[in-house]
Amino acid sequence: MKDADILIYNGTILTMDDQDTVIPNGILTISGNTIRHIGKGEKGPISAKRKFDAEGGLVLPGLINSHTHAAMTLFRGLADDLPLMDWLNNYIFPVESKMDGDFVRVGSLLACAEMIMSGTTTFCDMYLFEEEVAQAAKESGMRCLAGEVLYDFPSPNYGPIEKGFLYTEALIERWKNDPLVNIAVEPHSLFTCGKELLLRANDLALSKGVPLILHLAETREELKEIEKRFGRRPVHHLMDLKLLGPHLIVDHCVHVNEREIELLAEHEVRVVHNPESNMKLASGIAPVPEMIANGITVGLGTDGCASNNNLDLFGEIDTAAKLHKVSKLDPTVMNAQTLIKMATIQGAKALGLETITGSLKVGKRADLIIIDTNMPHLTPMYNPYSHLVYAARGHDVKHVIIDGTVVMENRRLCTLDIADIIARVKEKSKKVREWVGYPPVTTSG
């Protein structure tokens, strides 16, 4: 066997491949940014520049956060316990109108640090000043699918929508050959985007060969609004506009009925489930078991930190499993292996990145995490999938490798200066307090 750049050994490898192969006492080698060998056995004669002893832990693909708004880490805990429309219109949209690119850059760096430290290697982002999000992902070494949010009303970034499309096209051209950053076209939702905007966004996505992403059927209020405006429910409105297709990724889909699920499946639309955000905003429970039963590809997302309030995908996995069990009164619904797939290979398929990441296979990019299972709450271990869903948390991730680069080693970030980022975030949070009229933080004594 040829020399490798990185050797990982003495761990149980969950490949998440088509056969769900599990390799006890496995070895994996990386050359450049690519997985070169996966097998069983000792490290033996394999020569490598760097070696990672998994110490009996779990080696698996990096997690994929299929929907978030990274820079909203700066709004974590802001205006909690409010209905979605009140939260958006009276708090989030007003403070976002005061943001600038540096604000988004700092918040996105904080998000990347949080995601890496909890085992996420790829994320899909929708926000403002998305060039800054792409740059933050690149700086941190994360893989991402990013897109500038498009509205009918003026944006604090690009102004009128005409410039929003120019900004999006520029993003697509600038990042089209990047190994880590991919771009999508991202109209916000049906209640913030009229027909002309949606049709133009769809045309742009198809012409450039990139995904089209939007929020869909998140709340009952949205359903009422769309039916009032267009006389159709959201999924049928998209069908009338001929937007349904395999290029479309829709976030939430809480309020979809049996026929709408069939339509999404027939048109190969991909869905992202965000259970904790849907619970916190009391939006409802998406019929994910029914979607999966109909053959829909469903990924998993945290949504933004203003409606979650963290980016730990392990917590999201656990919540999703239990939420659907109690909803259906059936403990067999959404089993552990299903959830790990949603957070890895199904998430990659949802984002159109399954040939690159989401599973550990020779020839795919080396995006993986190593879980330290030598912990009281992870001992003993009978079923690794159950352990990951019901017992593990983000802080159990010990090492993270993305595109063949070690971005966290022994819980220490290698690409980001977390102390500097936190200091910058604290300065930005003072501005947020001013914008919403919160009193400044004071210390006593």
Protein backbone atom coordinates (compact mmCIF):
# COMPACT_ATOMS: atom_id res chain seq x y z
CA MET A 1 0.00 0.00 0.00
CA LYS A 2 1.30 3.45 -0.92
CA ASP A 3 2.19 5.98 1.71
CA ALA A 4 -0.72 8.09 2.92
CA ASP A 5 -1.04 11.61 4.26
CA ILE A 6 -3.36 10.53 7.09
CA LEU A 7 -4.01 7.13 8.66
CA ILE A 8 -6.91 6.47 11.02
CA TYR A 9 -6.97 3.16 12.89
CA ASN A 10 -8.34 1.30 15.92
CA GLY A 11 -11.94 2.47 15.48
CA THR A 12 -15.30 1.16 14.30
CA ILE A 13 -15.97 2.68 10.88
CA LEU A 14 -19.59 3.45 9.95
CA THR A 15 -19.24 3.96 6.21
CA MET A 16 -22.91 4.92 5.50
CA ASP A 17 -22.40 3.37 2.07
CA ASP A 18 -25.14 1.62 0.06
CA GLN A 19 -24.68 -1.57 2.09
CA ASP A 20 -24.46 0.24 5.45
CA THR A 21 -21.07 -1.39 5.94
CA VAL A 22 -19.70 -1.32 9.48
CA ILE A 23 -16.01 -2.19 9.95
CA PRO A 24 -14.87 -3.06 13.49
CA ASN A 25 -11.19 -2.39 14.09
CA GLY A 26 -11.09 -0.53 10.80
CA ILE A 27 -8.38 1.45 9.08
CA LEU A 28 -8.84 4.37 6.70
CA THR A 29 -6.22 6.27 4.75
CA ILE A 30 -6.34 9.69 3.13
CA SER A 31 -4.14 11.06 0.37
CA GLY A 32 -4.61 14.72 -0.46
CA ASN A 33 -8.32 15.42 -0.06
CA THR A 34 -9.48 11.92 -0.97
CA ILE A 35 -10.15 8.62 0.83
CA ARG A 36 -7.70 6.08 -0.62
CA HIS A 37 -8.32 2.94 1.43
CA ILE A 38 -10.88 1.55 3.86
CA GLY A 39 -10.52 -1.88 5.40
CA LYS A 40 -10.17 -4.01 8.48
CA GLY A 41 -6.98 -4.72 10.36
CA GLU A 42 -4.07 -3.24 12.20
CA LYS A 43 -2.18 -0.14 11.06
CA GLY A 44 0.64 -2.54 10.26
CA PRO A 45 3.13 -1.45 7.63
CA ILE A 46 1.09 1.52 6.37
CA SER A 47 3.23 4.64 6.36
CA ALA A 48 1.53 8.01 6.88
CA LYS A 49 2.58 11.55 7.67
CA ARG A 50 -0.09 11.76 10.39
CA LYS A 51 -1.73 8.97 12.36
CA PHE A 52 -4.93 9.11 14.41
CA ASP A 53 -5.64 6.38 16.94
CA ALA A 54 -9.45 6.30 17.30
CA GLU A 55 -8.95 4.50 20.63
CA GLY A 56 -11.88 2.19 20.04
CA GLY A 57 -14.21 5.04 19.11
CA LEU A 58 -16.45 5.61 16.10
CA VAL A 59 -15.33 6.90 12.70
CA LEU A 60 -18.11 8.18 10.45
CA PRO A 61 -18.84 10.76 7.75
CA GLY A 62 -19.00 14.33 8.93
CA LEU A 63 -22.53 15.50 9.68
CA ILE A 64 -24.41 17.67 7.18
CA ASN A 65 -26.49 20.58 8.43
CA SER A 66 -28.82 20.94 5.46
CA HIS A 67 -30.46 24.21 6.47
CA THR A 68 -29.21 27.07 8.57
CA HIS A 69 -28.64 30.82 8.70
CA ALA A 70 -25.08 30.87 10.01
CA ALA A 71 -24.69 34.52 10.98
CA MET A 72 -27.79 34.34 13.18
CA THR A 73 -25.50 33.04 15.91
CA LEU A 74 -25.32 36.76 16.74
CA PHE A 75 -29.08 36.68 17.46
CA ARG A 76 -28.93 33.61 19.72
CA GLY A 77 -31.48 34.13 22.51
CA LEU A 78 -32.89 37.29 20.93
CA ALA A 79 -36.69 37.54 21.17
CA ASP A 80 -37.36 33.96 22.21
CA ASP A 81 -40.85 32.53 22.84
CA LEU A 82 -42.64 34.44 20.07
CA PRO A 83 -44.75 33.32 17.08
CA LEU A 84 -42.85 33.11 13.78
CA MET A 85 -44.42 36.15 12.10
CA ASP A 86 -44.08 38.34 15.20
CA TRP A 87 -40.49 37.14 15.63
CA LEU A 88 -39.64 37.81 11.97
CA ASN A 89 -41.46 41.09 11.37
CA ASN A 90 -40.88 42.82 14.71
CA TYR A 91 -37.41 41.60 15.67
CA ILE A 92 -35.41 39.70 13.04
CA PHE A 93 -36.15 41.74 9.90
CA PRO A 94 -35.64 45.09 11.74
CA VAL A 95 -32.25 44.13 13.19
CA GLU A 96 -31.15 42.54 9.92
CA SER A 97 -31.82 45.85 8.18
CA LYS A 98 -28.95 47.34 10.22
CA MET A 99 -26.36 44.64 9.50
CA ASP A 100 -23.33 44.90 7.27
CA GLY A 101 -20.90 42.43 5.74
CA ASP A 102 -18.52 42.39 8.69
CA PHE A 103 -21.39 41.56 11.04
CA VAL A 104 -22.28 38.54 8.90
CA ARG A 105 -18.64 37.48 8.56
CA VAL A 106 -18.12 37.42 12.34
CA GLY A 107 -21.38 35.61 13.03
CA SER A 108 -20.59 33.04 10.34
CA LEU A 109 -17.11 32.38 11.73
CA LEU A 110 -18.70 31.72 15.12
CA ALA A 111 -21.18 29.34 13.45
CA CYS A 112 -18.39 27.48 11.66
CA ALA A 113 -16.50 27.06 14.92
CA GLU A 114 -19.62 25.75 16.66
CA MET A 115 -20.46 23.36 13.83
CA ILE A 116 -16.94 21.95 13.53
CA MET A 117 -16.75 21.42 17.27
CA SER A 118 -20.01 19.44 17.17
CA GLY A 119 -19.11 17.28 14.19
CA THR A 120 -20.67 19.11 11.24
CA THR A 121 -18.46 19.24 8.15
CA THR A 122 -20.95 20.57 5.55
CA PHE A 123 -23.72 23.15 5.87
CA CYS A 124 -26.30 24.79 3.63
CA ASP A 125 -26.81 28.48 4.27
CA MET A 126 -29.40 31.06 3.33
CA TYR A 127 -28.74 34.61 4.47
CA LEU A 128 -27.64 38.15 3.65
CA PHE A 129 -24.13 39.22 2.57
CA GLU A 130 -23.58 35.60 1.56
CA GLU A 131 -20.17 36.33 0.07
CA GLU A 132 -19.04 36.80 3.67
CA VAL A 133 -20.54 33.43 4.64
CA ALA A 134 -18.67 31.76 1.79
CA GLN A 135 -15.45 33.43 2.86
CA ALA A 136 -15.99 32.34 6.48
CA ALA A 137 -16.59 28.75 5.37
CA LYS A 138 -13.46 28.85 3.25
CA GLU A 139 -11.40 30.28 6.14
CA SER A 140 -12.65 27.61 8.53
CA GLY A 141 -12.18 24.80 6.01
CA MET A 142 -15.87 23.82 5.95
CA ARG A 143 -17.80 22.56 2.96
CA CYS A 144 -20.93 24.61 2.21
CA LEU A 145 -23.78 25.30 -0.17
CA ALA A 146 -24.59 29.01 0.17
CA GLY A 147 -27.01 31.44 -1.40
CA GLU A 148 -28.09 35.06 -1.01
CA VAL A 149 -31.64 35.36 0.29
CA LEU A 150 -33.92 37.09 -2.23
CA TYR A 151 -37.03 39.11 -1.30
CA ASP A 152 -39.61 41.31 -3.02
CA PHE A 153 -38.62 44.12 -0.68
CA PRO A 154 -35.18 45.84 -0.62
CA SER A 155 -32.32 43.99 1.02
CA PRO A 156 -29.79 45.62 3.39
CA ASN A 157 -27.11 44.02 1.23
CA TYR A 158 -27.99 44.52 -2.42
CA GLY A 159 -30.94 46.91 -2.27
CA PRO A 160 -33.55 46.30 -5.04
CA ILE A 161 -34.16 42.76 -6.29
CA GLU A 162 -32.56 43.45 -9.68
CA LYS A 163 -29.24 43.86 -7.89
CA GLY A 164 -30.01 40.76 -5.85
CA PHE A 165 -29.99 38.66 -9.00
CA LEU A 166 -26.76 40.30 -10.14
CA TYR A 167 -25.24 39.56 -6.73
CA THR A 168 -26.34 35.92 -6.96
CA GLU A 169 -24.94 35.51 -10.47
CA ALA A 170 -21.64 36.99 -9.31
CA LEU A 171 -21.52 34.49 -6.42
CA ILE A 172 -22.11 31.60 -8.81
CA GLU A 173 -19.30 32.73 -11.12
CA ARG A 174 -16.85 33.54 -8.33
CA TRP A 175 -17.16 30.19 -6.54
CA LYS A 176 -17.94 27.82 -9.43
CA ASN A 177 -14.59 26.02 -9.31
CA ASP A 178 -14.01 26.05 -5.56
CA PRO A 179 -13.42 22.65 -3.91
CA LEU A 180 -15.41 23.57 -0.78
CA VAL A 181 -17.96 26.29 -1.60
CA ASN A 182 -21.00 25.79 -3.84
CA ILE A 183 -23.71 28.36 -4.60
CA ALA A 184 -27.50 28.06 -4.86
CA VAL A 185 -30.30 30.46 -5.84
CA GLU A 186 -32.37 31.14 -2.72
CA PRO A 187 -35.67 33.05 -2.76
CA HIS A 188 -36.80 33.32 0.86
CA SER A 189 -40.37 31.96 0.75
CA LEU A 190 -43.70 32.16 -1.00
CA PHE A 191 -44.94 34.86 1.37
CA THR A 192 -41.97 37.17 0.73
CA CYS A 193 -41.50 36.45 -2.99
CA GLY A 194 -44.01 37.08 -5.77
CA LYS A 195 -44.47 35.01 -8.92
CA GLU A 196 -42.06 37.05 -11.05
CA LEU A 197 -39.24 36.71 -8.54
CA LEU A 198 -39.79 32.97 -8.16
CA LEU A 199 -39.91 32.37 -11.91
CA ARG A 200 -36.75 34.38 -12.49
CA ALA A 201 -34.97 32.61 -9.63
CA ASN A 202 -35.98 29.26 -11.08
CA ASP A 203 -34.73 30.22 -14.55
CA LEU A 204 -31.40 31.33 -13.10
CA ALA A 205 -30.95 28.12 -11.12
CA LEU A 206 -31.74 25.94 -14.14
CA SER A 207 -29.54 27.92 -16.51
CA LYS A 208 -26.57 27.77 -14.13
CA GLY A 209 -27.14 24.16 -13.06
CA VAL A 210 -27.38 25.01 -9.36
CA PRO A 211 -30.06 24.21 -6.75
CA LEU A 212 -33.10 26.38 -6.03
CA ILE A 213 -33.82 26.61 -2.28
CA LEU A 214 -36.71 28.16 -0.34
CA HIS A 215 -38.74 27.86 2.86
CA LEU A 216 -42.03 26.07 2.26
CA ALA A 217 -45.23 25.36 4.23
CA GLU A 218 -43.61 26.17 7.56
CA THR A 219 -46.66 27.52 9.43
CA ARG A 220 -50.47 27.50 9.27
CA GLU A 221 -50.33 31.29 8.87
CA GLU A 222 -48.25 30.83 5.71
CA LEU A 223 -50.84 28.43 4.30
CA LYS A 224 -53.63 30.93 4.93
CA GLU A 225 -51.63 33.76 3.36
CA ILE A 226 -50.74 31.82 0.21
CA GLU A 227 -54.28 30.53 -0.22
CA LYS A 228 -55.59 34.09 0.21
CA ARG A 229 -53.18 35.51 -2.39
CA PHE A 230 -53.16 32.74 -4.99
CA GLY A 231 -56.13 30.51 -4.21
CA ARG A 232 -53.78 27.54 -3.86
CA ARG A 233 -51.83 25.84 -1.11
CA PRO A 234 -48.03 26.34 -1.24
CA VAL A 235 -47.05 23.08 -2.99
CA HIS A 236 -49.77 23.51 -5.63
CA HIS A 237 -48.70 27.14 -6.11
CA LEU A 238 -45.18 25.92 -6.89
CA MET A 239 -46.60 23.30 -9.26
CA ASP A 240 -48.65 25.95 -11.09
CA LEU A 241 -45.43 27.94 -11.55
CA LYS A 242 -43.65 24.78 -12.79
CA LEU A 243 -41.02 25.10 -10.06
CA LEU A 244 -41.27 21.54 -8.77
CA GLY A 245 -38.31 19.44 -9.88
CA PRO A 246 -35.15 17.62 -8.78
CA HIS A 247 -33.27 20.94 -8.64
CA LEU A 248 -35.57 22.21 -5.85
CA ILE A 249 -34.73 21.95 -2.14
CA VAL A 250 -37.50 22.98 0.26
CA ASP A 251 -37.01 23.66 3.96
CA HIS A 252 -39.54 22.68 6.66
CA CYS A 253 -42.62 21.33 4.81
CA VAL A 254 -44.49 21.10 8.10
CA HIS A 255 -47.96 21.58 6.65
CA VAL A 256 -48.18 19.29 3.65
CA ASN A 257 -50.93 16.75 3.07
CA GLU A 258 -50.87 13.30 1.49
CA ARG A 259 -51.38 14.55 -2.07
CA GLU A 260 -48.71 17.23 -1.66
CA ILE A 261 -46.23 14.64 -0.41
CA GLU A 262 -47.00 12.58 -3.52
CA LEU A 263 -46.36 15.62 -5.71
CA LEU A 264 -43.02 16.33 -4.02
CA ALA A 265 -42.04 12.70 -4.52
CA GLU A 266 -43.19 12.59 -8.16
CA HIS A 267 -41.08 15.66 -8.99
CA GLU A 268 -38.06 14.44 -6.95
CA VAL A 269 -38.08 17.54 -4.78
CA ARG A 270 -35.70 17.31 -1.82
CA VAL A 271 -36.80 18.27 1.71
CA VAL A 272 -34.94 19.45 4.82
CA HIS A 273 -36.45 18.72 8.24
CA ASN A 274 -35.81 21.23 11.07
CA PRO A 275 -37.52 19.72 14.12
CA GLU A 276 -36.16 21.86 16.94
CA SER A 277 -36.91 25.15 15.19
CA ASN A 278 -40.40 23.90 14.28
CA MET A 279 -40.97 22.92 17.91
CA LYS A 280 -39.64 26.16 19.38
CA LEU A 281 -41.72 28.34 17.06
CA ALA A 282 -44.73 26.01 17.54
CA SER A 283 -44.96 25.58 13.78
CA GLY A 284 -45.96 21.92 14.01
CA ILE A 285 -44.51 18.51 13.17
CA ALA A 286 -43.50 17.77 9.60
CA PRO A 287 -44.79 14.40 8.30
CA VAL A 288 -41.28 13.09 7.73
CA PRO A 289 -42.04 9.35 8.11
CA GLU A 290 -44.63 9.71 5.36
CA MET A 291 -42.17 11.61 3.16
CA ILE A 292 -39.52 8.92 3.56
CA ALA A 293 -42.10 6.20 2.89
CA ASN A 294 -42.90 7.95 -0.40
CA GLY A 295 -39.24 7.94 -1.42
CA ILE A 296 -38.49 11.61 -0.77
CA THR A 297 -34.88 12.45 0.11
CA VAL A 298 -34.99 14.16 3.51
CA GLY A 299 -32.02 15.88 5.11
CA LEU A 300 -31.74 17.38 8.58
CA GLY A 301 -31.09 21.00 9.56
CA THR A 302 -30.85 23.09 12.69
CA ASP A 303 -32.22 26.30 11.14
CA GLY A 304 -30.62 29.45 12.58
CA CYS A 305 -29.52 30.05 16.15
CA ALA A 306 -32.29 32.58 16.68
CA SER A 307 -34.87 29.80 16.45
CA ASN A 308 -33.06 26.74 17.79
CA ASN A 309 -30.71 28.01 19.66
CA ASN A 310 -27.65 25.94 18.75
CA LEU A 311 -26.02 24.25 15.78
CA ASP A 312 -25.36 20.86 17.41
CA LEU A 313 -26.71 18.40 14.86
CA PHE A 314 -26.40 15.53 17.33
CA GLY A 315 -29.06 17.24 19.43
CA GLU A 316 -31.20 17.64 16.32
CA ILE A 317 -30.86 13.93 15.53
CA ASP A 318 -32.00 12.94 19.02
CA THR A 319 -34.94 15.37 18.92
CA ALA A 320 -36.09 14.19 15.49
CA ALA A 321 -36.11 10.56 16.59
CA LYS A 322 -38.13 11.18 19.74
CA LEU A 323 -40.48 13.80 18.28
CA HIS A 324 -41.85 11.45 15.65
CA LYS A 325 -42.10 8.51 18.05
CA VAL A 326 -44.28 10.46 20.46
CA SER A 327 -46.23 12.04 17.61
CA LYS A 328 -47.08 8.61 16.17
CA LEU A 329 -47.18 6.82 19.54
CA ASP A 330 -44.90 4.29 17.89
CA PRO A 331 -41.39 3.60 19.25
CA THR A 332 -40.31 1.96 15.98
CA VAL A 333 -40.79 5.09 13.86
CA MET A 334 -37.62 6.92 12.71
CA ASN A 335 -35.11 4.40 13.97
CA ALA A 336 -31.54 5.32 14.80
CA GLN A 337 -30.03 4.23 11.50
CA THR A 338 -32.56 6.34 9.59
CA LEU A 339 -31.58 9.42 11.56
CA ILE A 340 -27.84 8.93 11.05
CA LYS A 341 -28.50 8.59 7.32
CA MET A 342 -30.49 11.84 7.32
CA ALA A 343 -27.54 13.58 8.93
CA THR A 344 -24.97 12.09 6.54
CA ILE A 345 -25.64 10.48 3.15
CA GLN A 346 -29.28 11.58 2.85
CA GLY A 347 -28.23 15.11 3.77
CA ALA A 348 -25.61 14.97 1.03
CA LYS A 349 -28.24 13.76 -1.45
CA ALA A 350 -30.59 16.53 -0.34
CA LEU A 351 -27.91 19.10 -1.22
CA GLY A 352 -26.78 17.35 -4.41
CA LEU A 353 -23.37 16.56 -2.93
CA GLU A 354 -23.66 12.78 -2.60
CA THR A 355 -20.84 12.07 -5.08
CA ILE A 356 -18.50 14.17 -2.96
CA THR A 357 -19.42 13.61 0.67
CA GLY A 358 -21.92 11.96 3.04
CA SER A 359 -20.37 8.48 3.13
CA LEU A 360 -16.92 6.97 3.52
CA LYS A 361 -15.94 5.37 0.21
CA VAL A 362 -12.69 5.13 -1.69
CA GLY A 363 -12.50 8.06 -4.09
CA LYS A 364 -14.82 10.38 -2.17
CA ARG A 365 -13.61 13.48 -0.36
CA ALA A 366 -12.24 12.87 3.11
CA ASP A 367 -14.92 14.50 5.29
CA LEU A 368 -15.10 12.57 8.55
CA ILE A 369 -15.29 12.76 12.31
CA ILE A 370 -13.97 10.60 15.13
CA ILE A 371 -16.14 10.14 18.23
CA ASP A 372 -14.50 9.48 21.59
CA THR A 373 -16.61 6.73 23.16
CA ASN A 374 -14.43 6.33 26.23
CA MET A 375 -16.91 8.34 28.26
CA PRO A 376 -19.28 7.34 31.08
CA HIS A 377 -22.38 8.30 29.07
CA LEU A 378 -21.15 6.26 26.10
CA THR A 379 -20.25 3.10 28.02
CA PRO A 380 -21.07 0.28 27.31
CA MET A 381 -21.87 0.35 23.59
CA TYR A 382 -24.04 -2.35 21.99
CA ASN A 383 -25.32 -0.55 18.90
CA PRO A 384 -23.26 2.33 17.46
CA TYR A 385 -26.21 3.92 15.63
CA SER A 386 -28.32 4.00 18.79
CA HIS A 387 -25.37 5.41 20.71
CA LEU A 388 -24.95 8.25 18.23
CA VAL A 389 -28.66 9.14 18.25
CA TYR A 390 -29.65 8.72 21.89
CA ALA A 391 -26.45 9.19 23.89
CA ALA A 392 -23.78 11.12 21.96
CA ARG A 393 -23.56 14.90 21.76
CA GLY A 394 -21.43 17.34 19.83
CA HIS A 395 -18.83 17.59 22.58
CA ASP A 396 -18.00 13.89 22.08
CA VAL A 397 -16.43 14.69 18.71
CA LYS A 398 -12.66 14.50 19.18
CA HIS A 399 -11.22 14.97 15.67
CA VAL A 400 -12.65 16.50 12.49
CA ILE A 401 -11.22 16.20 8.97
CA ILE A 402 -12.71 18.08 6.00
CA ASP A 403 -11.47 17.66 2.44
CA GLY A 404 -8.43 15.88 3.80
CA THR A 405 -7.51 18.76 6.15
CA VAL A 406 -7.52 18.36 9.93
CA VAL A 407 -9.72 21.21 11.17
CA MET A 408 -10.05 20.00 14.77
CA GLU A 409 -7.65 17.80 16.68
CA ASN A 410 -8.21 16.71 20.27
CA ARG A 411 -11.06 19.26 20.57
CA ARG A 412 -8.74 22.09 19.46
CA LEU A 413 -9.70 24.09 16.37
CA CYS A 414 -6.86 24.14 13.86
CA THR A 415 -8.20 26.67 11.33
CA LEU A 416 -9.87 29.27 13.53
CA ASP A 417 -8.86 31.39 16.52
CA ILE A 418 -11.89 30.88 18.72
CA ALA A 419 -10.82 33.39 21.38
CA ASP A 420 -10.53 36.12 18.76
CA ILE A 421 -13.89 35.21 17.22
CA ILE A 422 -15.66 35.28 20.60
CA ALA A 423 -14.15 38.68 21.38
CA ARG A 424 -15.40 40.05 18.04
CA VAL A 425 -18.84 38.54 18.63
CA LYS A 426 -19.13 40.23 22.00
CA GLU A 427 -18.48 43.59 20.34
CA LYS A 428 -21.13 42.91 17.72
CA SER A 429 -23.62 41.89 20.39
CA LYS A 430 -23.37 45.38 21.88
CA LYS A 431 -24.72 46.73 18.59
CA VAL A 432 -27.59 44.25 18.64
CA ARG A 433 -28.52 45.41 22.14
CA GLU A 434 -28.64 48.99 20.89
CA TRP A 435 -30.77 48.06 17.88
CA VAL A 436 -33.44 46.30 19.95
CA GLY A 437 -33.27 48.61 22.95
CA TYR A 438 -31.89 46.08 25.42
CA PRO A 439 -29.96 47.59 28.35
CA PRO A 440 -26.18 47.06 28.24
CA VAL A 441 -24.70 44.17 30.19
CA THR A 442 -23.35 45.30 33.55
CA THR A 443 -21.22 43.52 36.12
CA SER A 444 -21.48 43.98 39.85
CA GLY A 445 -19.00 44.05 42.59
